[in-house]
């Protein structure tokens, strides 16, 4: 049957936060609907009141500009009570009864929720991709060869019996399957927290920003550095790091000659030479307190750029992040400089979000 809703994939347990964000974001641009989700399902359905707004909704903002969604799909059909025999035929029959949203699609993804229950669908979805792709090409829904420049069709199996059919735009979607960027843990890193910073560097900074912010020979401060997971990422890129923590930093990092360890309080520490290129912080503290500290460093020009995590409460997580970041942006907007601010609940984050603040104009040095 036809359906007009946006599907947002998210970390299981964060459905309400993704739902609140979609309701807020779409409400701000007069695209109205209501969210439906189940706890720990790993996705949210945002049903639109006006079916004609589906194309506008999926083009309104990119996944990279949201906080909690991992992927955003414009769903135009749902098929329930799917029987085991000839699933391909049932999906093709369903598609005959809906209005084609675009003339043709360039690629296909067969997907499932990122939950323990959803992972039981993984093997089936992988095997199902080839016959479904061939059938859609024959039916004129897909280009003869994959074309990543065109919209992608998604068939999202909520269960073996129910699937949602939709599409994503190449300029707005996550390029990763299920919206998940899986990184390999470097065996020489002192902690797994290193993946959080690598995820941010790879997925939240453009290649130009990476070159500017992470230049070899640059200087950084890592607040709450112990045992050195975040410092590791900076040292790997040739940066000098002032590692601030009352605990110990891994010997392997100290031996590089690029790390100075200072046993000090992250909230009172000042950079050794008056300023640094980059401030990073993964301290376990109240989000508003960390946001204020980051603002202090940026306003005082102690740091040119900042990347940090905000630990999340059990409830009202979207609102908590919005409030903390809004206050920080107000302080930054009062400066002559311009800043690019992004907030994401990354795959390697758990109960926290990552914020990147890149200074984009004249007073960078």
Protein backbone atom coordinates (compact mmCIF):
# COMPACT_ATOMS: atom_id res chain seq x y z
CA UNK A 1 0.00 0.00 0.00
CA UNK A 2 1.09 3.61 -0.51
CA UNK A 3 2.71 5.46 2.36
CA UNK A 4 4.19 8.91 2.77
CA UNK A 5 6.65 9.06 5.62
CA UNK A 6 10.29 9.68 6.37
CA UNK A 7 12.15 6.76 7.90
CA UNK A 8 15.03 7.70 10.19
CA UNK A 9 17.47 4.98 11.25
CA UNK A 10 19.00 5.60 14.69
CA UNK A 11 20.82 3.90 17.55
CA UNK A 12 18.43 1.54 19.39
CA UNK A 13 17.09 3.32 22.47
CA UNK A 14 17.25 6.74 20.82
CA UNK A 15 13.97 6.55 18.91
CA UNK A 16 12.28 9.28 20.99
CA UNK A 17 15.24 11.59 20.47
CA UNK A 18 15.22 11.08 16.70
CA UNK A 19 11.44 11.54 16.70
CA UNK A 20 11.66 14.78 18.68
CA UNK A 21 14.33 16.08 16.35
CA UNK A 22 12.33 15.30 13.20
CA UNK A 23 9.19 16.89 14.67
CA UNK A 24 11.14 20.03 15.57
CA UNK A 25 13.14 20.30 12.33
CA UNK A 26 10.19 19.70 10.02
CA UNK A 27 7.92 21.95 12.07
CA UNK A 28 10.39 24.80 11.59
CA UNK A 29 9.90 24.57 7.81
CA UNK A 30 6.14 23.91 7.91
CA UNK A 31 6.32 20.24 7.00
CA UNK A 32 3.91 18.62 9.41
CA UNK A 33 3.39 15.06 10.51
CA UNK A 34 3.67 12.77 13.51
CA UNK A 35 6.32 10.23 14.58
CA UNK A 36 5.68 6.58 15.30
CA UNK A 37 8.30 4.36 16.89
CA UNK A 38 8.89 1.42 19.18
CA UNK A 39 11.51 1.46 21.92
CA UNK A 40 14.79 -0.19 20.90
CA UNK A 41 13.55 -0.72 17.33
CA UNK A 42 16.38 1.29 15.77
CA UNK A 43 14.18 3.45 13.54
CA UNK A 44 11.40 6.03 13.48
CA UNK A 45 8.56 6.54 11.00
CA UNK A 46 7.59 10.19 10.60
CA UNK A 47 4.20 10.10 8.85
CA UNK A 48 3.41 13.21 6.81
CA UNK A 49 -0.07 14.73 6.84
CA UNK A 50 0.36 15.93 3.25
CA UNK A 51 1.62 13.26 0.83
CA UNK A 52 2.73 15.94 -1.60
CA UNK A 53 5.40 17.09 0.87
CA UNK A 54 7.42 13.86 0.79
CA UNK A 55 9.88 15.05 -1.87
CA UNK A 56 10.30 18.36 -0.03
CA UNK A 57 10.83 16.59 3.29
CA UNK A 58 13.62 14.32 2.06
CA UNK A 59 15.36 17.25 0.35
CA UNK A 60 15.01 19.66 3.29
CA UNK A 61 18.16 18.60 5.14
CA UNK A 62 20.95 16.06 4.81
CA UNK A 63 21.72 13.31 7.31
CA UNK A 64 25.04 15.03 8.09
CA UNK A 65 23.10 18.10 9.28
CA UNK A 66 20.99 16.17 11.80
CA UNK A 67 21.92 14.88 15.24
CA UNK A 68 20.31 11.49 15.85
CA UNK A 69 19.30 10.05 12.43
CA UNK A 70 21.84 7.76 10.76
CA UNK A 71 19.93 7.64 7.49
CA UNK A 72 16.82 9.35 6.10
CA UNK A 73 14.56 7.56 3.62
CA UNK A 74 11.48 8.93 1.83
CA UNK A 75 9.10 5.96 2.12
CA UNK A 76 6.32 5.83 -0.48
CA UNK A 77 5.05 2.27 0.04
CA UNK A 78 4.70 -0.36 2.76
CA UNK A 79 4.12 -4.04 2.23
CA UNK A 80 2.77 -6.08 5.13
CA UNK A 81 1.95 -9.78 5.52
CA UNK A 82 4.69 -10.78 3.09
CA UNK A 83 4.70 -14.51 2.37
CA UNK A 84 7.92 -16.48 2.08
CA UNK A 85 7.22 -17.58 -1.47
CA UNK A 86 8.11 -15.04 -4.18
CA UNK A 87 8.90 -11.96 -2.10
CA UNK A 88 10.27 -10.31 -5.26
CA UNK A 89 6.94 -10.79 -7.02
CA UNK A 90 4.99 -9.37 -4.08
CA UNK A 91 7.16 -6.25 -3.98
CA UNK A 92 6.84 -5.73 -7.75
CA UNK A 93 3.08 -6.11 -7.46
CA UNK A 94 3.03 -3.53 -4.65
CA UNK A 95 5.02 -1.08 -6.77
CA UNK A 96 2.47 -1.33 -9.60
CA UNK A 97 -0.11 0.22 -7.28
CA UNK A 98 1.91 3.29 -6.24
CA UNK A 99 2.89 6.43 -8.07
CA UNK A 100 6.52 6.30 -9.13
CA UNK A 101 8.30 9.08 -7.16
CA UNK A 102 11.18 9.46 -9.64
CA UNK A 103 11.68 8.33 -13.22
CA UNK A 104 14.49 5.89 -12.39
CA UNK A 105 16.87 5.00 -9.55
CA UNK A 106 20.61 4.40 -9.77
CA UNK A 107 21.19 1.85 -6.99
CA UNK A 108 19.45 -0.31 -4.41
CA UNK A 109 19.95 -1.11 -0.72
CA UNK A 110 18.13 -3.93 1.06
CA UNK A 111 18.27 -3.02 4.75
CA UNK A 112 17.20 -4.00 8.25
CA UNK A 113 17.20 -2.45 11.76
CA UNK A 114 20.52 -2.32 13.60
CA UNK A 115 19.20 -4.39 16.51
CA UNK A 116 19.85 -7.93 17.70
CA UNK A 117 16.48 -8.96 16.27
CA UNK A 118 17.12 -7.02 13.09
CA UNK A 119 20.45 -8.72 12.53
CA UNK A 120 18.61 -12.03 12.02
CA UNK A 121 17.53 -10.45 8.71
CA UNK A 122 21.06 -9.60 7.59
CA UNK A 123 21.87 -12.82 5.71
CA UNK A 124 18.46 -12.84 4.01
CA UNK A 125 18.80 -9.19 2.94
CA UNK A 126 22.22 -9.82 1.43
CA UNK A 127 20.96 -12.80 -0.60
CA UNK A 128 17.77 -10.97 -1.58
CA UNK A 129 19.65 -8.00 -3.08
CA UNK A 130 20.71 -9.60 -6.38
CA UNK A 131 17.32 -11.04 -7.48
CA UNK A 132 15.53 -7.87 -6.35
CA UNK A 133 17.99 -5.69 -8.25
CA UNK A 134 17.57 -7.75 -11.41
CA UNK A 135 13.78 -7.62 -11.16
CA UNK A 136 13.71 -3.86 -10.63
CA UNK A 137 16.01 -3.31 -13.62
CA UNK A 138 13.74 -5.42 -15.80
CA UNK A 139 10.71 -3.48 -14.53
CA UNK A 140 12.36 -0.13 -15.39
CA UNK A 141 12.92 1.04 -11.81
CA UNK A 142 16.72 0.81 -11.87
CA UNK A 143 19.42 1.87 -14.33
CA UNK A 144 21.15 -0.97 -16.22
CA UNK A 145 24.36 -0.23 -14.35
CA UNK A 146 24.77 1.26 -10.88
CA UNK A 147 24.72 5.06 -10.97
CA UNK A 148 25.59 6.60 -7.61
CA UNK A 149 24.76 10.06 -8.93
CA UNK A 150 21.06 9.20 -8.97
CA UNK A 151 18.67 8.60 -6.09
CA UNK A 152 18.91 5.18 -4.42
CA UNK A 153 15.91 2.95 -3.77
CA UNK A 154 15.77 1.37 -0.31
CA UNK A 155 13.78 -1.69 0.72
CA UNK A 156 13.81 -1.71 4.51
CA UNK A 157 12.69 -4.97 6.12
CA UNK A 158 11.24 -4.18 9.52
CA UNK A 159 10.71 -7.94 9.84
CA UNK A 160 10.44 -10.90 7.49
CA UNK A 161 6.76 -10.02 7.04
CA UNK A 162 6.91 -6.22 6.66
CA UNK A 163 9.00 -3.93 4.49
CA UNK A 164 9.01 -0.24 3.64
CA UNK A 165 10.01 0.98 0.19
CA UNK A 166 11.53 4.40 -0.26
CA UNK A 167 14.45 6.37 -1.64
CA UNK A 168 17.32 8.62 -0.59
CA UNK A 169 19.11 11.43 -2.39
CA UNK A 170 22.86 10.99 -3.04
CA UNK A 171 23.60 14.54 -1.87
CA UNK A 172 21.64 14.12 1.37
CA UNK A 173 22.08 10.49 2.43
CA UNK A 174 24.76 8.65 4.34
CA UNK A 175 26.96 6.74 1.91
CA UNK A 176 27.27 3.84 4.36
CA UNK A 177 25.06 0.76 4.53
CA UNK A 178 22.46 1.32 7.29
CA UNK A 179 24.08 4.72 7.79
CA UNK A 180 26.85 3.06 9.81
CA UNK A 181 30.53 3.81 9.35
CA UNK A 182 32.39 0.85 10.82
CA UNK A 183 35.98 1.61 11.72
CA UNK A 184 38.69 -0.88 12.60
CA UNK A 185 40.13 -0.47 16.08
CA UNK A 186 43.87 0.28 15.80
CA UNK A 187 45.69 -2.32 17.91
CA UNK A 188 48.28 0.19 19.12
CA UNK A 189 45.72 2.65 20.50
CA UNK A 190 45.50 2.78 24.31
CA UNK A 191 41.67 2.75 24.35
CA UNK A 192 38.61 2.13 22.19
CA UNK A 193 37.52 5.74 22.69
CA UNK A 194 39.90 6.52 19.85
CA UNK A 195 37.18 5.38 17.43
CA UNK A 196 34.89 8.19 18.59
CA UNK A 197 37.34 10.86 17.50
CA UNK A 198 38.26 9.05 14.28
CA UNK A 199 34.56 8.77 13.44
CA UNK A 200 34.21 12.52 13.92
CA UNK A 201 37.29 13.35 11.86
CA UNK A 202 36.23 11.11 8.98
CA UNK A 203 32.50 11.83 8.94
CA UNK A 204 32.05 15.35 10.30
CA UNK A 205 34.94 17.21 8.67
CA UNK A 206 35.28 17.79 4.94
CA UNK A 207 38.62 16.88 3.34
CA UNK A 208 39.49 20.60 3.28
CA UNK A 209 38.65 20.94 6.98
CA UNK A 210 40.73 17.88 7.84
CA UNK A 211 43.71 19.38 6.03
CA UNK A 212 43.29 22.71 7.82
CA UNK A 213 42.55 21.44 11.32
CA UNK A 214 44.86 18.42 11.49
CA UNK A 215 48.01 19.79 9.91
CA UNK A 216 51.23 18.01 10.79
CA UNK A 217 53.26 20.12 13.20
CA UNK A 218 50.13 21.80 14.56
CA UNK A 219 49.40 21.97 18.27
CA UNK A 220 46.43 20.56 20.20
CA UNK A 221 45.12 20.22 23.74
CA UNK A 222 43.28 17.07 24.86
CA UNK A 223 41.25 17.69 28.02
CA UNK A 224 40.54 14.49 29.95
CA UNK A 225 43.12 12.66 27.86
CA UNK A 226 43.82 9.53 29.97
CA UNK A 227 44.74 6.94 28.76
CA UNK A 228 45.16 8.66 25.39
CA UNK A 229 42.60 7.35 22.88
CA UNK A 230 41.93 10.81 21.44
CA UNK A 231 45.55 11.94 21.75
CA UNK A 232 46.47 8.87 19.66
CA UNK A 233 44.47 10.17 16.68
CA UNK A 234 46.19 13.56 16.82
CA UNK A 235 49.69 12.13 17.25
CA UNK A 236 49.07 9.78 14.32
CA UNK A 237 48.56 12.90 12.22
CA UNK A 238 51.78 14.52 13.42
CA UNK A 239 50.33 17.00 15.91
CA UNK A 240 51.94 18.05 19.18
CA UNK A 241 49.52 17.40 22.05
CA UNK A 242 49.20 18.80 25.55
CA UNK A 243 47.46 15.86 27.26
CA UNK A 244 45.57 17.04 30.35
CA UNK A 245 44.47 14.48 32.94
CA UNK A 246 45.26 13.54 36.54
CA UNK A 247 45.53 9.95 35.35
CA UNK A 248 48.36 8.42 33.33
CA UNK A 249 48.81 8.66 29.58
CA UNK A 250 50.00 5.52 27.76
CA UNK A 251 53.80 5.15 27.58
CA UNK A 252 53.55 4.42 23.86
CA UNK A 253 52.24 7.96 23.30
CA UNK A 254 54.77 9.61 25.61
CA UNK A 255 57.59 7.88 23.73
CA UNK A 256 56.62 9.58 20.45
CA UNK A 257 58.03 12.89 21.65
CA UNK A 258 54.83 14.60 20.53
CA UNK A 259 52.98 14.49 23.86
CA UNK A 260 53.34 16.61 27.00
CA UNK A 261 51.35 15.24 29.93
CA UNK A 262 50.06 17.73 32.50
CA UNK A 263 48.34 16.40 35.63
CA UNK A 264 45.83 19.22 35.91
CA UNK A 265 42.13 20.04 36.08
CA UNK A 266 40.66 20.35 32.58
CA UNK A 267 38.42 23.20 33.72
CA UNK A 268 41.27 25.42 34.91
CA UNK A 269 44.09 24.49 32.51
CA UNK A 270 45.43 27.08 30.06
CA UNK A 271 47.50 26.31 26.91
CA UNK A 272 51.26 26.40 27.42
CA UNK A 273 51.95 28.87 24.62
CA UNK A 274 48.76 30.92 24.81
CA UNK A 275 46.87 29.16 22.04
CA UNK A 276 46.55 25.91 20.09
CA UNK A 277 45.16 24.96 16.72
CA UNK A 278 42.73 22.38 18.08
CA UNK A 279 41.01 21.66 21.39
CA UNK A 280 39.52 18.19 21.94
CA UNK A 281 37.61 17.00 24.99
CA UNK A 282 35.88 13.80 26.07
CA UNK A 283 35.46 14.54 29.78
CA UNK A 284 32.57 12.98 31.69
CA UNK A 285 30.78 16.14 32.82
CA UNK A 286 27.44 17.93 32.54
CA UNK A 287 26.88 18.91 28.89
CA UNK A 288 26.16 22.58 29.62
CA UNK A 289 29.35 22.84 31.67
CA UNK A 290 31.48 21.32 28.89
CA UNK A 291 29.81 23.51 26.25
CA UNK A 292 30.60 26.61 28.31
CA UNK A 293 34.23 25.54 28.71
CA UNK A 294 34.58 25.00 24.96
CA UNK A 295 33.08 28.42 24.37
CA UNK A 296 35.57 30.01 26.75
CA UNK A 297 38.51 28.59 24.79
CA UNK A 298 37.11 29.67 21.43
CA UNK A 299 36.03 33.15 22.54
CA UNK A 300 39.40 33.81 24.20
CA UNK A 301 41.21 32.49 21.10
CA UNK A 302 42.99 29.87 23.17
CA UNK A 303 41.90 27.42 20.47
CA UNK A 304 41.16 27.96 16.80
CA UNK A 305 38.93 24.89 16.44
CA UNK A 306 37.27 22.42 18.82
CA UNK A 307 35.97 18.85 18.75
CA UNK A 308 34.27 17.54 21.87
CA UNK A 309 31.66 15.19 23.26
CA UNK A 310 28.61 16.09 25.31
CA UNK A 311 27.45 13.33 27.66
CA UNK A 312 23.69 12.80 27.50
CA UNK A 313 21.15 12.47 30.31
CA UNK A 314 18.60 9.65 30.47
CA UNK A 315 15.70 11.89 29.41
CA UNK A 316 15.14 14.92 27.15
CA UNK A 317 18.39 14.26 25.35
CA UNK A 318 17.54 16.17 22.17
CA UNK A 319 16.39 19.19 24.17
CA UNK A 320 19.49 19.06 26.39
CA UNK A 321 21.81 19.09 23.38
CA UNK A 322 19.83 21.84 21.65
CA UNK A 323 19.95 24.07 24.72
CA UNK A 324 23.70 23.59 25.31
CA UNK A 325 24.64 24.15 21.67
CA UNK A 326 22.28 27.14 21.29
CA UNK A 327 23.99 28.95 24.17
CA UNK A 328 27.38 28.17 22.69
CA UNK A 329 26.34 29.42 19.24
CA UNK A 330 25.07 32.66 20.77
CA UNK A 331 28.53 33.32 22.19
CA UNK A 332 30.23 32.49 18.90
CA UNK A 333 27.87 34.65 16.85
CA UNK A 334 28.95 37.66 18.91
CA UNK A 335 32.48 37.29 17.54
CA UNK A 336 33.76 38.68 14.26
CA UNK A 337 34.77 35.18 13.15
CA UNK A 338 32.45 32.69 11.46
CA UNK A 339 32.15 29.08 12.61
CA UNK A 340 30.90 25.83 11.16
CA UNK A 341 29.11 23.93 13.94
CA UNK A 342 27.98 20.31 13.56
CA UNK A 343 26.45 17.94 16.12
CA UNK A 344 26.14 14.20 15.51
CA UNK A 345 25.28 11.07 17.44
CA UNK A 346 27.93 8.97 15.72
CA UNK A 347 27.93 5.20 15.44
CA UNK A 348 30.92 4.93 17.80
CA UNK A 349 29.30 7.26 20.32
CA UNK A 350 27.05 5.73 22.91
CA UNK A 351 25.36 8.02 25.44
CA UNK A 352 26.94 11.17 24.03
CA UNK A 353 27.00 13.34 20.94
CA UNK A 354 30.04 14.78 19.18
CA UNK A 355 30.33 18.48 18.36
CA UNK A 356 32.77 19.94 15.82
CA UNK A 357 33.37 23.69 15.69
CA UNK A 358 35.59 24.83 12.84
CA UNK A 359 36.57 28.50 12.66
CA UNK A 360 36.11 29.50 9.03
CA UNK A 361 37.24 33.12 8.81
CA UNK A 362 39.91 35.69 9.41
CA UNK A 363 41.07 35.38 13.05
CA UNK A 364 42.28 31.80 12.71
CA UNK A 365 45.83 32.44 13.82
